[in-house]
């Protein structure tokens, strides 16, 4: 008699768990996020440590790189850290030549931030492993799963303004 493979506990024969809202499943999702985050940040943490930097520096490099000309105020709103913490992080990144700041053109009190060439190089090096991990996972999961994952992540984000950053435009209205 041939071995019969049973679906995982709680899963249907198609691998989809209809009981996904049970406490056990929710706790497993939390655990998966913890393990994924640990592995997602391991390589960047090691690279940043070589420069005397930490995760706050990584987040600053990422968002400054993605939004050249971002103001300190906007960056504070995204990172949700104290002004004192951000000033320490930015001070180190500026001092080591990874970030530059200039005055705003309309409001001279504004400080606009951008990565320097060295900053782009560091940001690329720090995020390369993360992009590769995500690309591999996306390829293995497929487009439908990726869209589902995106919806789950959007659902986890607490604030509507933060979720709105990722809204995709719909079809043109007639």
C-alpha atoms as a PDB file:
ATOM      1  CA  UNK A   1       0.000   0.000   0.000  1.00  0.00           C
ATOM      2  CA  UNK A   2       1.356   3.418  -0.966  1.00  0.00           C
ATOM      3  CA  UNK A   3       2.037   6.035   1.692  1.00  0.00           C
ATOM      4  CA  UNK A   4      -0.646   8.701   1.795  1.00  0.00           C
ATOM      5  CA  UNK A   5       0.521  12.226   2.592  1.00  0.00           C
ATOM      6  CA  UNK A   6      -1.921  13.983   4.850  1.00  0.00           C
ATOM      7  CA  UNK A   7      -2.232  17.763   4.722  1.00  0.00           C
ATOM      8  CA  UNK A   8      -0.713  19.682   7.654  1.00  0.00           C
ATOM      9  CA  UNK A   9      -2.900  20.033  10.739  1.00  0.00           C
ATOM     10  CA  UNK A  10      -5.863  22.255   9.944  1.00  0.00           C
ATOM     11  CA  UNK A  11      -5.147  22.420   6.188  1.00  0.00           C
ATOM     12  CA  UNK A  12      -7.429  21.230   3.424  1.00  0.00           C
ATOM     13  CA  UNK A  13      -6.240  18.885   0.695  1.00  0.00           C
ATOM     14  CA  UNK A  14      -5.296  22.029  -1.290  1.00  0.00           C
ATOM     15  CA  UNK A  15      -2.967  23.257   1.488  1.00  0.00           C
ATOM     16  CA  UNK A  16      -5.199  26.151   2.485  1.00  0.00           C
ATOM     17  CA  UNK A  17      -6.104  26.299   6.150  1.00  0.00           C
ATOM     18  CA  UNK A  18      -9.755  27.284   6.592  1.00  0.00           C
ATOM     19  CA  UNK A  19      -9.077  27.788  10.319  1.00  0.00           C
ATOM     20  CA  UNK A  20      -6.520  30.573   9.819  1.00  0.00           C
ATOM     21  CA  UNK A  21      -8.032  32.819  12.524  1.00  0.00           C
ATOM     22  CA  UNK A  22      -7.555  30.334  15.371  1.00  0.00           C
ATOM     23  CA  UNK A  23      -5.221  31.451  18.166  1.00  0.00           C
ATOM     24  CA  UNK A  24      -2.744  28.711  17.264  1.00  0.00           C
ATOM     25  CA  UNK A  25      -2.512  29.953  13.666  1.00  0.00           C
ATOM     26  CA  UNK A  26      -2.207  33.601  14.712  1.00  0.00           C
ATOM     27  CA  UNK A  27       0.586  32.763  17.157  1.00  0.00           C
ATOM     28  CA  UNK A  28       2.360  30.788  14.453  1.00  0.00           C
ATOM     29  CA  UNK A  29       2.141  33.833  12.153  1.00  0.00           C
ATOM     30  CA  UNK A  30       3.695  35.953  14.896  1.00  0.00           C
ATOM     31  CA  UNK A  31       6.486  33.415  15.287  1.00  0.00           C
ATOM     32  CA  UNK A  32       7.059  33.354  11.549  1.00  0.00           C
ATOM     33  CA  UNK A  33       7.370  37.148  11.554  1.00  0.00           C
ATOM     34  CA  UNK A  34       9.896  37.004  14.395  1.00  0.00           C
ATOM     35  CA  UNK A  35      12.036  34.384  12.636  1.00  0.00           C
ATOM     36  CA  UNK A  36      11.735  36.119   9.266  1.00  0.00           C
ATOM     37  CA  UNK A  37      12.727  39.479  10.768  1.00  0.00           C
ATOM     38  CA  UNK A  38      15.684  37.908  12.577  1.00  0.00           C
ATOM     39  CA  UNK A  39      16.995  36.381   9.352  1.00  0.00           C
ATOM     40  CA  UNK A  40      16.047  39.428   7.267  1.00  0.00           C
ATOM     41  CA  UNK A  41      18.152  41.720   9.458  1.00  0.00           C
ATOM     42  CA  UNK A  42      21.127  39.439  10.263  1.00  0.00           C
ATOM     43  CA  UNK A  43      23.329  40.277   7.252  1.00  0.00           C
ATOM     44  CA  UNK A  44      22.590  44.029   7.278  1.00  0.00           C
ATOM     45  CA  UNK A  45      23.239  44.152  11.040  1.00  0.00           C
ATOM     46  CA  UNK A  46      26.685  42.600  10.525  1.00  0.00           C
ATOM     47  CA  UNK A  47      27.574  45.083   7.759  1.00  0.00           C
ATOM     48  CA  UNK A  48      26.292  48.057   9.766  1.00  0.00           C
ATOM     49  CA  UNK A  49      28.219  46.943  12.858  1.00  0.00           C
ATOM     50  CA  UNK A  50      31.456  47.217  10.853  1.00  0.00           C
ATOM     51  CA  UNK A  51      30.697  50.954  10.580  1.00  0.00           C
ATOM     52  CA  UNK A  52      29.531  51.362  14.170  1.00  0.00           C
ATOM     53  CA  UNK A  53      25.923  51.665  12.986  1.00  0.00           C
ATOM     54  CA  UNK A  54      22.672  49.932  13.925  1.00  0.00           C
ATOM     55  CA  UNK A  55      19.170  49.397  12.592  1.00  0.00           C
ATOM     56  CA  UNK A  56      18.153  53.035  13.019  1.00  0.00           C
ATOM     57  CA  UNK A  57      20.976  53.959  10.637  1.00  0.00           C
ATOM     58  CA  UNK A  58      19.745  51.322   8.190  1.00  0.00           C
ATOM     59  CA  UNK A  59      16.201  52.672   8.253  1.00  0.00           C
ATOM     60  CA  UNK A  60      17.463  56.234   7.776  1.00  0.00           C
ATOM     61  CA  UNK A  61      19.678  55.178   4.836  1.00  0.00           C
ATOM     62  CA  UNK A  62      16.776  53.289   3.285  1.00  0.00           C
ATOM     63  CA  UNK A  63      14.208  56.082   3.469  1.00  0.00           C
ATOM     64  CA  UNK A  64      16.639  58.850   2.522  1.00  0.00           C
ATOM     65  CA  UNK A  65      17.715  56.732  -0.448  1.00  0.00           C
ATOM     66  CA  UNK A  66      14.128  56.044  -1.504  1.00  0.00           C
ATOM     67  CA  UNK A  67      13.066  59.677  -1.053  1.00  0.00           C
ATOM     68  CA  UNK A  68      15.957  62.022  -1.930  1.00  0.00           C
ATOM     69  CA  UNK A  69      15.253  65.488  -0.578  1.00  0.00           C
ATOM     70  CA  UNK A  70      13.137  64.145   2.296  1.00  0.00           C
ATOM     71  CA  UNK A  71      12.927  66.599   5.166  1.00  0.00           C
ATOM     72  CA  UNK A  72      14.050  65.756   8.676  1.00  0.00           C
ATOM     73  CA  UNK A  73      10.439  66.264   9.778  1.00  0.00           C
ATOM     74  CA  UNK A  74       9.131  63.778   7.190  1.00  0.00           C
ATOM     75  CA  UNK A  75      11.783  61.250   8.187  1.00  0.00           C
ATOM     76  CA  UNK A  76      10.802  61.667  11.845  1.00  0.00           C
ATOM     77  CA  UNK A  77       7.198  60.950  10.887  1.00  0.00           C
ATOM     78  CA  UNK A  78       8.147  57.742   9.072  1.00  0.00           C
ATOM     79  CA  UNK A  79      10.609  56.387  11.620  1.00  0.00           C
ATOM     80  CA  UNK A  80       8.633  57.452  14.685  1.00  0.00           C
ATOM     81  CA  UNK A  81      11.727  57.931  16.793  1.00  0.00           C
ATOM     82  CA  UNK A  82      12.598  60.901  18.971  1.00  0.00           C
ATOM     83  CA  UNK A  83      14.182  63.956  17.430  1.00  0.00           C
ATOM     84  CA  UNK A  84      17.166  63.377  19.705  1.00  0.00           C
ATOM     85  CA  UNK A  85      17.633  59.802  18.403  1.00  0.00           C
ATOM     86  CA  UNK A  86      17.309  60.913  14.788  1.00  0.00           C
ATOM     87  CA  UNK A  87      19.779  63.767  15.320  1.00  0.00           C
ATOM     88  CA  UNK A  88      22.315  61.288  16.727  1.00  0.00           C
ATOM     89  CA  UNK A  89      21.829  58.899  13.775  1.00  0.00           C
ATOM     90  CA  UNK A  90      21.910  61.673  11.156  1.00  0.00           C
ATOM     91  CA  UNK A  91      24.907  63.300  12.835  1.00  0.00           C
ATOM     92  CA  UNK A  92      26.873  60.059  12.502  1.00  0.00           C
ATOM     93  CA  UNK A  93      25.775  59.459   8.900  1.00  0.00           C
ATOM     94  CA  UNK A  94      26.648  63.041   7.925  1.00  0.00           C
ATOM     95  CA  UNK A  95      29.960  63.002   9.801  1.00  0.00           C
ATOM     96  CA  UNK A  96      31.032  59.788   8.049  1.00  0.00           C
ATOM     97  CA  UNK A  97      29.998  61.155   4.645  1.00  0.00           C
ATOM     98  CA  UNK A  98      26.979  58.949   3.894  1.00  0.00           C
ATOM     99  CA  UNK A  99      24.280  61.630   4.061  1.00  0.00           C
ATOM    100  CA  UNK A 100      24.272  65.271   3.076  1.00  0.00           C
ATOM    101  CA  UNK A 101      21.815  67.921   4.128  1.00  0.00           C
ATOM    102  CA  UNK A 102      20.978  71.237   2.589  1.00  0.00           C
ATOM    103  CA  UNK A 103      18.552  74.049   3.269  1.00  0.00           C
ATOM    104  CA  UNK A 104      15.118  73.966   1.719  1.00  0.00           C
ATOM    105  CA  UNK A 105      14.613  76.245  -1.268  1.00  0.00           C
ATOM    106  CA  UNK A 106      11.223  77.543  -0.115  1.00  0.00           C
ATOM    107  CA  UNK A 107      11.816  77.316   3.622  1.00  0.00           C
ATOM    108  CA  UNK A 108      15.415  77.837   4.672  1.00  0.00           C
ATOM    109  CA  UNK A 109      14.669  76.271   8.067  1.00  0.00           C
ATOM    110  CA  UNK A 110      14.018  72.926   6.395  1.00  0.00           C
ATOM    111  CA  UNK A 111      16.836  70.423   6.225  1.00  0.00           C
ATOM    112  CA  UNK A 112      16.635  68.311   3.079  1.00  0.00           C
ATOM    113  CA  UNK A 113      18.459  64.985   3.184  1.00  0.00           C
ATOM    114  CA  UNK A 114      20.082  62.942   0.423  1.00  0.00           C
ATOM    115  CA  UNK A 115      22.553  60.080   0.232  1.00  0.00           C
ATOM    116  CA  UNK A 116      26.058  60.839  -0.974  1.00  0.00           C
ATOM    117  CA  UNK A 117      27.775  58.478  -3.433  1.00  0.00           C
ATOM    118  CA  UNK A 118      29.256  56.651  -0.420  1.00  0.00           C
ATOM    119  CA  UNK A 119      25.784  56.542   1.134  1.00  0.00           C
ATOM    120  CA  UNK A 120      24.315  54.960  -2.001  1.00  0.00           C
ATOM    121  CA  UNK A 121      27.105  52.370  -1.976  1.00  0.00           C
ATOM    122  CA  UNK A 122      26.520  51.526   1.696  1.00  0.00           C
ATOM    123  CA  UNK A 123      22.738  51.395   1.306  1.00  0.00           C
ATOM    124  CA  UNK A 124      23.121  49.086  -1.705  1.00  0.00           C
ATOM    125  CA  UNK A 125      25.487  46.810   0.196  1.00  0.00           C
ATOM    126  CA  UNK A 126      23.261  46.694   3.291  1.00  0.00           C
ATOM    127  CA  UNK A 127      20.050  45.977   1.381  1.00  0.00           C
ATOM    128  CA  UNK A 128      21.400  43.566  -1.275  1.00  0.00           C
ATOM    129  CA  UNK A 129      20.847  40.448   0.852  1.00  0.00           C
ATOM    130  CA  UNK A 130      17.352  41.612   1.812  1.00  0.00           C
ATOM    131  CA  UNK A 131      16.338  42.226  -1.811  1.00  0.00           C
ATOM    132  CA  UNK A 132      17.721  38.807  -2.781  1.00  0.00           C
ATOM    133  CA  UNK A 133      15.766  37.109   0.031  1.00  0.00           C
ATOM    134  CA  UNK A 134      12.549  38.838  -0.978  1.00  0.00           C
ATOM    135  CA  UNK A 135      13.071  38.081  -4.688  1.00  0.00           C
ATOM    136  CA  UNK A 136      13.691  34.388  -3.927  1.00  0.00           C
ATOM    137  CA  UNK A 137      10.638  34.158  -1.680  1.00  0.00           C
ATOM    138  CA  UNK A 138       8.468  35.967  -4.255  1.00  0.00           C
ATOM    139  CA  UNK A 139       9.616  33.662  -7.055  1.00  0.00           C
ATOM    140  CA  UNK A 140       8.889  30.584  -4.962  1.00  0.00           C
ATOM    141  CA  UNK A 141       5.490  31.839  -3.789  1.00  0.00           C
ATOM    142  CA  UNK A 142       4.141  33.201  -7.073  1.00  0.00           C
ATOM    143  CA  UNK A 143       2.266  36.360  -7.986  1.00  0.00           C
ATOM    144  CA  UNK A 144      -1.010  35.499  -6.240  1.00  0.00           C
ATOM    145  CA  UNK A 145       0.728  34.729  -2.943  1.00  0.00           C
ATOM    146  CA  UNK A 146       2.832  37.888  -3.236  1.00  0.00           C
ATOM    147  CA  UNK A 147      -0.313  39.995  -3.609  1.00  0.00           C
ATOM    148  CA  UNK A 148      -1.860  38.204  -0.619  1.00  0.00           C
ATOM    149  CA  UNK A 149       1.295  38.829   1.419  1.00  0.00           C
ATOM    150  CA  UNK A 150       1.208  42.496   0.443  1.00  0.00           C
ATOM    151  CA  UNK A 151      -2.404  42.716   1.637  1.00  0.00           C
ATOM    152  CA  UNK A 152      -1.487  41.065   4.942  1.00  0.00           C
ATOM    153  CA  UNK A 153       1.403  43.486   5.508  1.00  0.00           C
ATOM    154  CA  UNK A 154      -0.839  46.453   4.673  1.00  0.00           C
ATOM    155  CA  UNK A 155      -3.367  45.120   7.168  1.00  0.00           C
ATOM    156  CA  UNK A 156      -0.699  44.964   9.883  1.00  0.00           C
ATOM    157  CA  UNK A 157       0.346  48.604   9.341  1.00  0.00           C
ATOM    158  CA  UNK A 158      -1.513  50.585  11.997  1.00  0.00           C
ATOM    159  CA  UNK A 159      -1.947  54.010  10.434  1.00  0.00           C
ATOM    160  CA  UNK A 160      -4.058  54.859   7.413  1.00  0.00           C
ATOM    161  CA  UNK A 161      -1.558  57.519   6.244  1.00  0.00           C
ATOM    162  CA  UNK A 162       1.223  54.915   6.231  1.00  0.00           C
ATOM    163  CA  UNK A 163      -0.980  52.414   4.369  1.00  0.00           C
ATOM    164  CA  UNK A 164      -1.900  55.116   1.847  1.00  0.00           C
ATOM    165  CA  UNK A 165       1.769  55.326   0.769  1.00  0.00           C
ATOM    166  CA  UNK A 166       1.327  51.911  -0.824  1.00  0.00           C
ATOM    167  CA  UNK A 167      -2.058  52.272  -2.473  1.00  0.00           C
ATOM    168  CA  UNK A 168      -1.931  51.431  -6.115  1.00  0.00           C
ATOM    169  CA  UNK A 169      -3.835  53.626  -8.505  1.00  0.00           C
ATOM    170  CA  UNK A 170      -6.902  51.967  -9.920  1.00  0.00           C
ATOM    171  CA  UNK A 171      -7.999  51.926 -13.525  1.00  0.00           C
ATOM    172  CA  UNK A 172      -8.646  55.340 -15.073  1.00  0.00           C
ATOM    173  CA  UNK A 173     -12.152  56.670 -14.481  1.00  0.00           C
ATOM    174  CA  UNK A 174     -14.277  57.574 -17.455  1.00  0.00           C
END
